[in-house]
């Protein structure tokens, strides 16, 4: 038995494809917490999910009488409930900066990835979204070289948001230019080898980069 694994009476309703669910699984793996994971097919959601979550969305975490269904809320709850290792900075200013980064990742990258992963809509819209996301990543690429992790000396919840997005670049047909994208590619290589990241992957996610 692995004595480093913490067991908790929690259930996670999780999509095997979307990056919001992926980030929760990554936090759980980083904390060494095992939960009951229910993989949800968006076209056939279980009745139990609608019973606990009025929005019928994933990820949804059920911890006894507590139900949480927004990914950033879930991540912060897990970080507080299982404080070691800490995944948010201690000081208020740094914590606020991390929260703002997570919001910007969802706004600037997350929505684009969502649209491209679904792949429905006018090709002109998809092409423009793909181009804007690629250009945005290239523009911010130097930031990836400034610190060991994303804008931080330590691994944080922000990395748990960034890494699942970058994992999906191949699936949404985005390839960064070799020279300008080098810092991002180096970051990806490091993150994708991290044990918690490897443990967080579903079978469908592994197939995204095969």
N, C-alpha and C. Protein backbone atom coordinates (compact mmCIF):
# COMPACT_ATOMS: atom_id res chain seq x y z
N UNK A 1 0.85 -1.20 0.00
CA UNK A 1 0.00 0.00 0.00
C UNK A 1 0.88 1.24 0.00
N UNK A 2 0.51 2.20 -0.83
CA UNK A 2 1.26 3.46 -0.89
C UNK A 2 0.81 4.35 0.26
N UNK A 3 1.69 4.54 1.25
CA UNK A 3 1.34 5.32 2.43
C UNK A 3 1.27 6.81 2.12
N UNK A 4 1.75 7.22 0.96
CA UNK A 4 1.71 8.64 0.58
C UNK A 4 0.37 9.05 -0.02
N UNK A 5 -0.47 8.06 -0.30
CA UNK A 5 -1.77 8.35 -0.90
C UNK A 5 -2.79 8.62 0.20
N UNK A 6 -3.48 9.73 0.10
CA UNK A 6 -4.52 10.07 1.07
C UNK A 6 -5.87 9.68 0.48
N UNK A 7 -6.69 9.05 1.28
CA UNK A 7 -8.01 8.65 0.80
C UNK A 7 -9.06 9.56 1.42
N UNK A 8 -9.99 9.98 0.60
CA UNK A 8 -11.05 10.87 1.08
C UNK A 8 -12.37 10.40 0.50
N UNK A 9 -13.43 10.57 1.29
CA UNK A 9 -14.75 10.11 0.85
C UNK A 9 -15.38 11.19 -0.03
N UNK A 10 -14.80 11.38 -1.20
CA UNK A 10 -15.28 12.39 -2.13
C UNK A 10 -15.53 11.75 -3.49
N UNK A 11 -16.43 12.38 -4.24
CA UNK A 11 -16.71 11.94 -5.61
C UNK A 11 -16.50 13.12 -6.54
N UNK A 12 -15.78 12.88 -7.62
CA UNK A 12 -15.56 13.90 -8.64
C UNK A 12 -16.25 13.48 -9.92
N UNK A 13 -17.21 14.29 -10.37
CA UNK A 13 -17.80 14.10 -11.69
C UNK A 13 -16.92 14.86 -12.67
N UNK A 14 -16.35 14.14 -13.62
CA UNK A 14 -15.28 14.70 -14.45
C UNK A 14 -15.46 14.32 -15.90
N UNK A 15 -15.22 15.27 -16.77
CA UNK A 15 -15.16 14.95 -18.20
C UNK A 15 -13.77 14.39 -18.52
N UNK A 16 -13.68 13.34 -19.31
CA UNK A 16 -12.37 12.81 -19.67
C UNK A 16 -11.66 13.61 -20.73
N UNK A 17 -12.28 14.73 -21.20
CA UNK A 17 -11.69 15.51 -22.29
C UNK A 17 -11.45 16.98 -21.96
N UNK A 18 -12.26 17.59 -21.11
CA UNK A 18 -12.15 19.04 -20.97
C UNK A 18 -11.07 19.44 -19.96
N UNK A 19 -10.47 20.59 -20.19
CA UNK A 19 -9.32 21.00 -19.39
C UNK A 19 -9.71 21.47 -18.00
N UNK A 20 -10.97 21.83 -17.78
CA UNK A 20 -11.39 22.23 -16.45
C UNK A 20 -11.42 21.02 -15.50
N UNK A 21 -11.90 19.89 -15.99
CA UNK A 21 -11.86 18.67 -15.20
C UNK A 21 -10.42 18.19 -15.01
N UNK A 22 -9.63 18.34 -16.07
CA UNK A 22 -8.23 17.91 -16.03
C UNK A 22 -7.48 18.62 -14.91
N UNK A 23 -7.71 19.92 -14.75
CA UNK A 23 -6.99 20.68 -13.73
C UNK A 23 -7.33 20.17 -12.32
N UNK A 24 -8.58 19.74 -12.11
CA UNK A 24 -8.96 19.22 -10.80
C UNK A 24 -8.25 17.90 -10.55
N UNK A 25 -8.21 17.05 -11.54
CA UNK A 25 -7.51 15.77 -11.38
C UNK A 25 -6.02 15.98 -11.12
N UNK A 26 -5.47 17.02 -11.71
CA UNK A 26 -4.06 17.32 -11.49
C UNK A 26 -3.81 17.78 -10.05
N UNK A 27 -4.70 18.62 -9.52
CA UNK A 27 -4.57 19.06 -8.13
C UNK A 27 -4.67 17.86 -7.19
N UNK A 28 -5.64 16.99 -7.43
CA UNK A 28 -5.80 15.80 -6.59
C UNK A 28 -4.55 14.94 -6.62
N UNK A 29 -3.96 14.76 -7.82
CA UNK A 29 -2.75 13.96 -7.93
C UNK A 29 -1.58 14.63 -7.23
N UNK A 30 -1.50 15.95 -7.35
CA UNK A 30 -0.42 16.70 -6.69
C UNK A 30 -0.52 16.56 -5.18
N UNK A 31 -1.74 16.52 -4.66
CA UNK A 31 -1.96 16.39 -3.22
C UNK A 31 -1.86 14.94 -2.75
N UNK A 32 -1.87 14.01 -3.69
CA UNK A 32 -1.86 12.61 -3.31
C UNK A 32 -3.18 12.13 -2.74
N UNK A 33 -4.28 12.73 -3.20
CA UNK A 33 -5.61 12.39 -2.71
C UNK A 33 -6.32 11.53 -3.75
N UNK A 34 -6.88 10.42 -3.31
CA UNK A 34 -7.66 9.58 -4.21
C UNK A 34 -9.14 9.79 -3.94
N UNK A 35 -9.91 9.94 -4.98
CA UNK A 35 -11.36 10.12 -4.86
C UNK A 35 -12.03 9.19 -5.86
N UNK A 36 -13.31 9.01 -5.71
CA UNK A 36 -14.09 8.26 -6.70
C UNK A 36 -14.36 9.18 -7.88
N UNK A 37 -13.83 8.83 -9.04
CA UNK A 37 -14.01 9.66 -10.23
C UNK A 37 -15.08 9.04 -11.12
N UNK A 38 -16.10 9.83 -11.43
CA UNK A 38 -17.15 9.41 -12.33
C UNK A 38 -16.94 10.13 -13.66
N UNK A 39 -16.57 9.38 -14.69
CA UNK A 39 -16.37 10.00 -16.00
C UNK A 39 -17.72 10.27 -16.65
N UNK A 40 -17.91 11.52 -17.06
CA UNK A 40 -19.20 11.95 -17.58
C UNK A 40 -19.13 12.17 -19.08
N UNK A 41 -20.01 11.50 -19.79
CA UNK A 41 -20.19 11.73 -21.22
C UNK A 41 -21.16 12.90 -21.38
N UNK A 42 -20.71 14.01 -22.00
CA UNK A 42 -21.59 15.19 -22.12
C UNK A 42 -22.93 14.91 -22.76
N UNK A 43 -23.00 13.90 -23.61
CA UNK A 43 -24.25 13.59 -24.29
C UNK A 43 -25.16 12.68 -23.46
N UNK A 44 -24.61 12.09 -22.40
CA UNK A 44 -25.40 11.19 -21.54
C UNK A 44 -24.99 11.39 -20.09
N UNK A 45 -25.34 12.52 -19.55
CA UNK A 45 -24.95 12.83 -18.17
C UNK A 45 -25.78 12.00 -17.19
N UNK A 46 -25.16 11.51 -16.14
CA UNK A 46 -25.90 10.71 -15.15
C UNK A 46 -26.90 11.55 -14.38
N UNK A 47 -28.01 10.93 -14.02
CA UNK A 47 -29.04 11.64 -13.26
C UNK A 47 -28.50 12.15 -11.94
N UNK A 48 -27.55 11.42 -11.36
CA UNK A 48 -26.99 11.81 -10.07
C UNK A 48 -26.32 13.17 -10.13
N UNK A 49 -25.77 13.52 -11.28
CA UNK A 49 -25.11 14.82 -11.41
C UNK A 49 -26.13 15.95 -11.33
N UNK A 50 -27.24 15.80 -12.04
CA UNK A 50 -28.28 16.83 -12.01
C UNK A 50 -28.90 16.96 -10.63
N UNK A 51 -28.90 15.89 -9.87
CA UNK A 51 -29.47 15.93 -8.52
C UNK A 51 -28.65 16.76 -7.56
N UNK A 52 -27.33 16.83 -7.80
CA UNK A 52 -26.47 17.57 -6.86
C UNK A 52 -26.05 18.93 -7.41
N UNK A 53 -26.07 19.09 -8.72
CA UNK A 53 -25.61 20.33 -9.35
C UNK A 53 -26.72 20.90 -10.22
N UNK A 54 -27.29 22.04 -9.85
CA UNK A 54 -28.41 22.60 -10.62
C UNK A 54 -28.03 22.97 -12.05
N UNK A 55 -26.73 23.15 -12.32
CA UNK A 55 -26.27 23.49 -13.67
C UNK A 55 -25.91 22.25 -14.48
N UNK A 56 -25.84 21.10 -13.81
CA UNK A 56 -25.57 19.83 -14.49
C UNK A 56 -24.25 19.87 -15.27
N UNK A 57 -23.23 20.48 -14.65
CA UNK A 57 -21.95 20.68 -15.32
C UNK A 57 -20.83 19.91 -14.63
N UNK A 58 -19.75 19.76 -15.36
CA UNK A 58 -18.52 19.18 -14.80
C UNK A 58 -17.40 20.21 -14.97
N UNK A 59 -16.44 20.17 -14.05
CA UNK A 59 -16.30 19.24 -12.92
C UNK A 59 -17.24 19.60 -11.77
N UNK A 60 -17.67 18.59 -11.07
CA UNK A 60 -18.45 18.76 -9.84
C UNK A 60 -17.84 17.87 -8.77
N UNK A 61 -17.57 18.44 -7.62
CA UNK A 61 -16.99 17.69 -6.50
C UNK A 61 -18.02 17.56 -5.39
N UNK A 62 -18.22 16.33 -4.94
CA UNK A 62 -19.12 16.06 -3.83
C UNK A 62 -18.29 15.55 -2.66
N UNK A 63 -18.33 16.30 -1.56
CA UNK A 63 -17.60 15.93 -0.36
C UNK A 63 -18.59 15.90 0.79
N UNK A 64 -19.13 14.72 1.06
CA UNK A 64 -20.19 14.55 2.05
C UNK A 64 -21.38 15.45 1.69
N UNK A 65 -21.70 16.44 2.52
CA UNK A 65 -22.85 17.30 2.24
C UNK A 65 -22.50 18.52 1.41
N UNK A 66 -21.24 18.67 1.08
CA UNK A 66 -20.79 19.83 0.31
C UNK A 66 -20.70 19.48 -1.18
N UNK A 67 -21.24 20.35 -2.01
CA UNK A 67 -21.15 20.18 -3.47
C UNK A 67 -20.56 21.44 -4.06
N UNK A 68 -19.49 21.28 -4.83
CA UNK A 68 -18.83 22.41 -5.49
C UNK A 68 -18.80 22.14 -6.99
N UNK A 69 -19.07 23.19 -7.81
CA UNK A 69 -19.14 22.95 -9.25
C UNK A 69 -18.59 24.10 -10.07
N UNK A 70 -17.54 24.73 -9.61
CA UNK A 70 -16.78 25.69 -10.42
C UNK A 70 -15.31 25.35 -10.21
N UNK A 71 -14.57 25.17 -11.29
CA UNK A 71 -13.24 24.56 -11.18
C UNK A 71 -12.29 25.32 -10.26
N UNK A 72 -12.27 26.65 -10.34
CA UNK A 72 -11.35 27.40 -9.49
C UNK A 72 -11.75 27.32 -8.02
N UNK A 73 -13.06 27.28 -7.77
CA UNK A 73 -13.54 27.11 -6.39
C UNK A 73 -13.12 25.73 -5.87
N UNK A 74 -13.27 24.72 -6.70
CA UNK A 74 -12.88 23.36 -6.30
C UNK A 74 -11.39 23.30 -6.00
N UNK A 75 -10.57 23.89 -6.86
CA UNK A 75 -9.12 23.85 -6.66
C UNK A 75 -8.72 24.49 -5.35
N UNK A 76 -9.28 25.66 -5.06
CA UNK A 76 -8.92 26.35 -3.83
C UNK A 76 -9.43 25.58 -2.61
N UNK A 77 -10.60 24.96 -2.71
CA UNK A 77 -11.10 24.15 -1.61
C UNK A 77 -10.15 22.99 -1.32
N UNK A 78 -9.72 22.31 -2.36
CA UNK A 78 -8.80 21.18 -2.19
C UNK A 78 -7.47 21.64 -1.60
N UNK A 79 -7.03 22.82 -2.02
CA UNK A 79 -5.76 23.33 -1.50
C UNK A 79 -5.87 23.66 -0.01
N UNK A 80 -7.04 24.11 0.42
CA UNK A 80 -7.23 24.43 1.84
C UNK A 80 -7.49 23.18 2.66
N UNK A 81 -8.23 22.25 2.10
CA UNK A 81 -8.54 21.04 2.85
C UNK A 81 -7.30 20.15 2.99
N UNK A 82 -6.50 20.09 1.96
CA UNK A 82 -5.27 19.29 1.99
C UNK A 82 -4.10 20.25 1.80
N UNK A 83 -3.64 20.88 2.87
CA UNK A 83 -2.70 22.01 2.75
C UNK A 83 -1.27 21.66 2.34
N UNK A 84 -0.95 20.39 2.25
CA UNK A 84 0.42 20.03 1.89
C UNK A 84 0.41 19.14 0.65
N UNK A 85 1.18 19.52 -0.38
CA UNK A 85 1.94 20.76 -0.49
C UNK A 85 1.02 21.94 -0.83
N UNK A 86 1.34 23.14 -0.34
CA UNK A 86 0.51 24.30 -0.66
C UNK A 86 0.64 24.68 -2.12
N UNK A 87 -0.47 25.00 -2.76
CA UNK A 87 -0.46 25.33 -4.18
C UNK A 87 -0.87 26.77 -4.47
N UNK A 88 -1.00 27.57 -3.42
CA UNK A 88 -1.19 29.01 -3.58
C UNK A 88 -0.20 29.71 -2.66
N UNK A 89 0.30 30.87 -3.07
CA UNK A 89 1.23 31.62 -2.21
C UNK A 89 0.59 31.97 -0.87
N UNK A 90 1.43 32.21 0.12
CA UNK A 90 0.96 32.52 1.47
C UNK A 90 0.45 33.96 1.57
N UNK A 91 1.15 34.89 0.95
CA UNK A 91 0.86 36.31 1.16
C UNK A 91 -0.31 36.77 0.29
N UNK A 92 -1.17 37.64 0.84
CA UNK A 92 -2.39 38.06 0.14
C UNK A 92 -2.17 38.63 -1.25
N UNK A 93 -1.14 39.46 -1.42
CA UNK A 93 -0.90 40.06 -2.75
C UNK A 93 -0.56 38.99 -3.76
N UNK A 94 0.31 38.06 -3.38
CA UNK A 94 0.70 36.99 -4.29
C UNK A 94 -0.48 36.06 -4.58
N UNK A 95 -1.31 35.79 -3.58
CA UNK A 95 -2.48 34.94 -3.78
C UNK A 95 -3.46 35.61 -4.76
N UNK A 96 -3.65 36.92 -4.57
CA UNK A 96 -4.55 37.64 -5.47
C UNK A 96 -4.01 37.63 -6.90
N UNK A 97 -2.70 37.76 -7.04
CA UNK A 97 -2.08 37.73 -8.37
C UNK A 97 -2.31 36.37 -9.03
N UNK A 98 -2.19 35.30 -8.26
CA UNK A 98 -2.42 33.96 -8.79
C UNK A 98 -3.87 33.79 -9.23
N UNK A 99 -4.79 34.30 -8.43
CA UNK A 99 -6.21 34.21 -8.79
C UNK A 99 -6.50 34.99 -10.07
N UNK A 100 -5.86 36.14 -10.20
CA UNK A 100 -6.06 36.94 -11.42
C UNK A 100 -5.48 36.21 -12.63
N UNK A 101 -4.34 35.57 -12.47
CA UNK A 101 -3.76 34.80 -13.58
C UNK A 101 -4.69 33.68 -14.01
N UNK A 102 -5.28 32.99 -13.05
CA UNK A 102 -6.21 31.90 -13.39
C UNK A 102 -7.42 32.44 -14.14
N UNK A 103 -7.90 33.60 -13.72
CA UNK A 103 -9.03 34.22 -14.42
C UNK A 103 -8.64 34.58 -15.85
N UNK A 104 -7.44 35.12 -16.03
CA UNK A 104 -6.99 35.50 -17.37
C UNK A 104 -6.78 34.27 -18.26
N UNK A 105 -6.28 33.19 -17.68
CA UNK A 105 -6.10 31.96 -18.45
C UNK A 105 -7.45 31.47 -18.97
N UNK A 106 -8.46 31.48 -18.10
CA UNK A 106 -9.79 31.04 -18.52
C UNK A 106 -10.36 31.96 -19.59
N UNK A 107 -10.15 33.27 -19.43
CA UNK A 107 -10.73 34.25 -20.36
C UNK A 107 -9.99 34.27 -21.69
N UNK A 108 -8.66 34.29 -21.64
CA UNK A 108 -7.87 34.45 -22.86
C UNK A 108 -7.62 33.15 -23.60
N UNK A 109 -7.47 32.05 -22.87
CA UNK A 109 -7.13 30.77 -23.48
C UNK A 109 -8.25 29.73 -23.37
N UNK A 110 -8.86 29.66 -22.19
CA UNK A 110 -9.82 28.60 -21.94
C UNK A 110 -11.00 28.60 -22.89
N UNK A 111 -11.57 29.77 -23.12
CA UNK A 111 -12.74 29.85 -24.01
C UNK A 111 -12.37 29.46 -25.44
N UNK A 112 -11.17 29.85 -25.86
CA UNK A 112 -10.72 29.49 -27.21
C UNK A 112 -10.54 27.99 -27.34
N UNK A 113 -9.93 27.39 -26.33
CA UNK A 113 -9.72 25.93 -26.35
C UNK A 113 -11.07 25.22 -26.35
N UNK A 114 -12.00 25.70 -25.55
CA UNK A 114 -13.34 25.09 -25.52
C UNK A 114 -13.96 25.07 -26.91
N UNK A 115 -13.92 26.21 -27.59
CA UNK A 115 -14.52 26.32 -28.92
C UNK A 115 -13.84 25.39 -29.91
N UNK A 116 -12.51 25.36 -29.88
CA UNK A 116 -11.76 24.55 -30.84
C UNK A 116 -11.88 23.05 -30.54
N UNK A 117 -12.01 22.69 -29.27
CA UNK A 117 -12.18 21.27 -28.94
C UNK A 117 -13.54 20.76 -29.41
N UNK A 118 -14.56 21.61 -29.31
CA UNK A 118 -15.88 21.23 -29.82
C UNK A 118 -15.83 21.14 -31.34
N UNK A 119 -15.15 22.10 -31.96
CA UNK A 119 -14.93 22.07 -33.40
C UNK A 119 -16.15 22.34 -34.24
N UNK A 120 -17.17 22.94 -33.65
CA UNK A 120 -18.38 23.24 -34.40
C UNK A 120 -18.47 24.73 -34.66
N UNK A 121 -19.08 25.08 -35.77
CA UNK A 121 -19.21 26.49 -36.12
C UNK A 121 -18.56 26.77 -37.46
N UNK A 122 -18.61 28.02 -37.86
CA UNK A 122 -18.05 28.41 -39.15
C UNK A 122 -16.52 28.25 -39.12
N UNK A 123 -15.98 27.75 -40.21
CA UNK A 123 -14.53 27.53 -40.27
C UNK A 123 -13.77 28.84 -40.13
N UNK A 124 -14.34 29.93 -40.62
CA UNK A 124 -13.67 31.22 -40.51
C UNK A 124 -13.51 31.61 -39.03
N UNK A 125 -14.53 31.32 -38.22
CA UNK A 125 -14.47 31.63 -36.79
C UNK A 125 -13.44 30.74 -36.10
N UNK A 126 -13.45 29.45 -36.45
CA UNK A 126 -12.49 28.53 -35.85
C UNK A 126 -11.06 28.89 -36.22
N UNK A 127 -10.84 29.26 -37.48
CA UNK A 127 -9.51 29.64 -37.93
C UNK A 127 -9.02 30.90 -37.24
N UNK A 128 -9.90 31.86 -37.08
CA UNK A 128 -9.52 33.09 -36.40
C UNK A 128 -9.21 32.83 -34.93
N UNK A 129 -10.01 31.99 -34.30
CA UNK A 129 -9.78 31.65 -32.90
C UNK A 129 -8.45 30.93 -32.73
N UNK A 130 -8.18 30.02 -33.65
CA UNK A 130 -6.91 29.27 -33.61
C UNK A 130 -5.73 30.22 -33.77
N UNK A 131 -5.84 31.13 -34.71
CA UNK A 131 -4.76 32.09 -34.96
C UNK A 131 -4.53 33.01 -33.76
N UNK A 132 -5.62 33.49 -33.17
CA UNK A 132 -5.51 34.39 -32.02
C UNK A 132 -4.88 33.67 -30.82
N UNK A 133 -5.24 32.42 -30.62
CA UNK A 133 -4.67 31.67 -29.51
C UNK A 133 -3.18 31.42 -29.74
N UNK A 134 -2.83 31.04 -30.97
CA UNK A 134 -1.41 30.82 -31.29
C UNK A 134 -0.60 32.10 -31.09
N UNK A 135 -1.11 33.20 -31.60
CA UNK A 135 -0.40 34.47 -31.47
C UNK A 135 -0.30 34.92 -30.01
N UNK A 136 -1.34 34.66 -29.24
CA UNK A 136 -1.31 35.01 -27.83
C UNK A 136 -0.26 34.24 -27.07
N UNK A 137 -0.13 32.95 -27.38
CA UNK A 137 0.88 32.12 -26.72
C UNK A 137 2.29 32.55 -27.13
N UNK A 138 2.47 32.88 -28.40
CA UNK A 138 3.78 33.34 -28.85
C UNK A 138 4.15 34.66 -28.19
N UNK A 139 3.17 35.55 -28.04
CA UNK A 139 3.44 36.86 -27.45
C UNK A 139 3.86 36.74 -25.99
N UNK A 140 3.29 35.77 -25.27
CA UNK A 140 3.59 35.63 -23.85
C UNK A 140 4.71 34.63 -23.60
N UNK A 141 5.23 34.01 -24.65
CA UNK A 141 6.24 32.96 -24.51
C UNK A 141 7.43 33.36 -23.63
N UNK A 142 7.98 34.59 -23.75
CA UNK A 142 9.13 34.95 -22.90
C UNK A 142 8.87 34.82 -21.41
N UNK A 143 7.60 34.96 -21.00
CA UNK A 143 7.25 34.84 -19.58
C UNK A 143 7.57 33.45 -19.06
N UNK A 144 7.44 32.44 -19.92
CA UNK A 144 7.69 31.07 -19.50
C UNK A 144 9.16 30.83 -19.16
N UNK A 145 10.04 31.70 -19.64
CA UNK A 145 11.47 31.54 -19.38
C UNK A 145 11.93 32.30 -18.14
N UNK A 146 11.07 33.13 -17.57
CA UNK A 146 11.48 34.00 -16.46
C UNK A 146 11.58 33.25 -15.14
N UNK A 147 10.71 32.26 -14.94
CA UNK A 147 10.64 31.54 -13.66
C UNK A 147 10.61 30.04 -13.94
N UNK A 148 10.92 29.22 -12.93
CA UNK A 148 10.86 27.77 -13.12
C UNK A 148 9.45 27.29 -13.48
N UNK A 149 8.43 27.97 -12.91
CA UNK A 149 7.04 27.63 -13.22
C UNK A 149 6.37 28.87 -13.79
N UNK A 150 5.05 28.82 -14.02
CA UNK A 150 4.41 29.94 -14.70
C UNK A 150 4.33 31.14 -13.78
N UNK A 151 5.24 32.11 -14.01
CA UNK A 151 5.31 33.35 -13.26
C UNK A 151 5.47 33.11 -11.76
N UNK A 152 6.15 32.03 -11.40
CA UNK A 152 6.34 31.71 -9.99
C UNK A 152 7.55 30.80 -9.84
N UNK A 153 8.21 30.90 -8.69
CA UNK A 153 9.34 30.03 -8.40
C UNK A 153 8.89 28.64 -7.95
N UNK A 154 7.62 28.54 -7.54
CA UNK A 154 7.07 27.27 -7.06
C UNK A 154 5.90 26.84 -7.94
N UNK A 155 5.64 25.55 -7.95
CA UNK A 155 4.47 25.00 -8.65
C UNK A 155 3.21 25.46 -7.92
N UNK A 156 2.23 25.99 -8.67
CA UNK A 156 1.00 26.51 -8.07
C UNK A 156 -0.23 26.04 -8.83
N UNK A 157 -1.39 26.48 -8.33
CA UNK A 157 -2.64 26.18 -9.02
C UNK A 157 -2.66 26.76 -10.42
N UNK A 158 -1.90 27.82 -10.64
CA UNK A 158 -1.84 28.42 -11.97
C UNK A 158 -1.29 27.40 -12.98
N UNK A 159 -0.25 26.67 -12.58
CA UNK A 159 0.30 25.63 -13.46
C UNK A 159 -0.73 24.54 -13.74
N UNK A 160 -1.59 24.27 -12.75
CA UNK A 160 -2.63 23.27 -12.94
C UNK A 160 -3.67 23.73 -13.97
N UNK A 161 -3.75 25.05 -14.19
CA UNK A 161 -4.63 25.59 -15.23
C UNK A 161 -3.94 25.64 -16.58
N UNK A 162 -2.65 26.00 -16.58
CA UNK A 162 -1.90 26.19 -17.82
C UNK A 162 -1.60 24.86 -18.51
N UNK A 163 -1.10 23.89 -17.76
CA UNK A 163 -0.64 22.64 -18.36
C UNK A 163 -1.73 21.90 -19.14
N UNK A 164 -2.96 21.75 -18.60
CA UNK A 164 -4.00 21.07 -19.38
C UNK A 164 -4.36 21.80 -20.68
N UNK A 165 -4.27 23.13 -20.68
CA UNK A 165 -4.53 23.89 -21.91
C UNK A 165 -3.46 23.56 -22.94
N UNK A 166 -2.20 23.60 -22.53
CA UNK A 166 -1.10 23.34 -23.47
C UNK A 166 -1.12 21.90 -23.98
N UNK A 167 -1.57 20.97 -23.14
CA UNK A 167 -1.65 19.58 -23.57
C UNK A 167 -2.57 19.42 -24.77
N UNK A 168 -3.55 20.29 -24.91
CA UNK A 168 -4.55 20.17 -25.96
C UNK A 168 -4.19 20.89 -27.25
N UNK A 169 -3.02 21.52 -27.31
CA UNK A 169 -2.65 22.27 -28.51
C UNK A 169 -2.61 21.39 -29.75
N UNK A 170 -2.06 20.20 -29.62
CA UNK A 170 -1.98 19.31 -30.78
C UNK A 170 -3.37 18.90 -31.24
N UNK A 171 -4.27 18.66 -30.29
CA UNK A 171 -5.63 18.23 -30.62
C UNK A 171 -6.40 19.32 -31.35
N UNK A 172 -6.04 20.60 -31.12
CA UNK A 172 -6.76 21.70 -31.77
C UNK A 172 -5.92 22.30 -32.91
N UNK A 173 -4.91 21.54 -33.33
CA UNK A 173 -4.12 21.88 -34.51
C UNK A 173 -3.36 23.20 -34.35
N UNK A 174 -2.72 23.35 -33.21
CA UNK A 174 -1.87 24.52 -32.99
C UNK A 174 -0.44 24.05 -32.74
N UNK A 175 0.45 24.53 -33.58
CA UNK A 175 1.88 24.26 -33.41
C UNK A 175 2.61 25.59 -33.32
N UNK A 176 3.35 25.76 -32.25
CA UNK A 176 4.06 27.02 -32.05
C UNK A 176 5.34 27.06 -32.87
N UNK A 177 5.71 28.23 -33.38
CA UNK A 177 6.97 28.34 -34.13
C UNK A 177 8.15 27.94 -33.24
N UNK A 178 9.12 27.26 -33.85
CA UNK A 178 10.19 26.65 -33.06
C UNK A 178 10.95 27.66 -32.22
N UNK A 179 11.36 28.76 -32.83
CA UNK A 179 12.21 29.72 -32.10
C UNK A 179 11.40 30.52 -31.07
N UNK A 180 10.32 31.16 -31.53
CA UNK A 180 9.54 31.99 -30.61
C UNK A 180 8.84 31.16 -29.54
N UNK A 181 8.51 29.95 -29.89
CA UNK A 181 7.77 29.11 -28.94
C UNK A 181 8.64 28.26 -28.04
N UNK A 182 9.96 28.40 -28.15
CA UNK A 182 10.87 27.53 -27.39
C UNK A 182 10.61 27.57 -25.88
N UNK A 183 10.43 28.75 -25.25
CA UNK A 183 10.16 28.74 -23.80
C UNK A 183 8.90 27.97 -23.42
N UNK A 184 7.86 28.09 -24.25
CA UNK A 184 6.62 27.36 -23.98
C UNK A 184 6.85 25.86 -24.12
N UNK A 185 7.57 25.47 -25.16
CA UNK A 185 7.83 24.05 -25.38
C UNK A 185 8.66 23.45 -24.25
N UNK A 186 9.61 24.21 -23.73
CA UNK A 186 10.41 23.72 -22.60
C UNK A 186 9.54 23.55 -21.36
N UNK A 187 8.66 24.51 -21.15
CA UNK A 187 7.73 24.42 -20.02
C UNK A 187 6.84 23.18 -20.18
N UNK A 188 6.33 22.96 -21.38
CA UNK A 188 5.48 21.81 -21.63
C UNK A 188 6.22 20.50 -21.35
N UNK A 189 7.46 20.40 -21.81
CA UNK A 189 8.22 19.19 -21.58
C UNK A 189 8.37 18.90 -20.09
N UNK A 190 8.61 19.95 -19.31
CA UNK A 190 8.77 19.78 -17.87
C UNK A 190 7.45 19.39 -17.22
N UNK A 191 6.38 20.08 -17.58
CA UNK A 191 5.08 19.81 -16.97
C UNK A 191 4.56 18.42 -17.33
N UNK A 192 4.74 18.05 -18.59
CA UNK A 192 4.16 16.79 -19.05
C UNK A 192 4.90 15.57 -18.48
N UNK A 193 6.07 15.79 -17.91
CA UNK A 193 6.81 14.70 -17.26
C UNK A 193 6.53 14.65 -15.76
N UNK A 194 5.86 15.66 -15.24
CA UNK A 194 5.60 15.73 -13.81
C UNK A 194 4.68 14.56 -13.39
N UNK A 195 5.02 13.85 -12.31
CA UNK A 195 4.22 12.68 -11.92
C UNK A 195 2.74 12.98 -11.74
N UNK A 196 2.42 14.13 -11.15
CA UNK A 196 1.00 14.46 -10.94
C UNK A 196 0.28 14.67 -12.25
N UNK A 197 0.98 15.21 -13.23
CA UNK A 197 0.34 15.41 -14.53
C UNK A 197 0.09 14.07 -15.21
N UNK A 198 1.08 13.21 -15.19
CA UNK A 198 0.92 11.89 -15.80
C UNK A 198 -0.21 11.12 -15.13
N UNK A 199 -0.31 11.24 -13.80
CA UNK A 199 -1.35 10.52 -13.06
C UNK A 199 -2.73 11.09 -13.34
N UNK A 200 -2.80 12.34 -13.77
CA UNK A 200 -4.09 13.00 -13.97
C UNK A 200 -4.73 12.69 -15.31
N UNK A 201 -3.96 12.13 -16.24
CA UNK A 201 -4.44 11.93 -17.60
C UNK A 201 -5.45 10.79 -17.71
N UNK A 202 -6.52 11.03 -18.45
CA UNK A 202 -7.44 9.96 -18.81
C UNK A 202 -6.95 9.30 -20.10
N UNK A 203 -7.57 8.20 -20.44
CA UNK A 203 -7.21 7.51 -21.68
C UNK A 203 -7.45 8.41 -22.90
N UNK A 204 -8.57 9.13 -22.90
CA UNK A 204 -8.87 10.02 -24.03
C UNK A 204 -7.86 11.16 -24.11
N UNK A 205 -7.41 11.64 -22.98
CA UNK A 205 -6.42 12.72 -22.99
C UNK A 205 -5.07 12.22 -23.50
N UNK A 206 -4.71 11.01 -23.14
CA UNK A 206 -3.45 10.46 -23.64
C UNK A 206 -3.47 10.36 -25.17
N UNK A 207 -4.64 10.03 -25.70
CA UNK A 207 -4.76 9.89 -27.16
C UNK A 207 -4.63 11.23 -27.88
N UNK A 208 -4.82 12.34 -27.17
CA UNK A 208 -4.73 13.65 -27.82
C UNK A 208 -3.37 13.95 -28.39
N UNK A 209 -2.33 13.34 -27.83
CA UNK A 209 -0.96 13.65 -28.27
C UNK A 209 -0.26 12.45 -28.89
N UNK A 210 -1.02 11.42 -29.22
CA UNK A 210 -0.42 10.25 -29.86
C UNK A 210 -0.28 10.47 -31.35
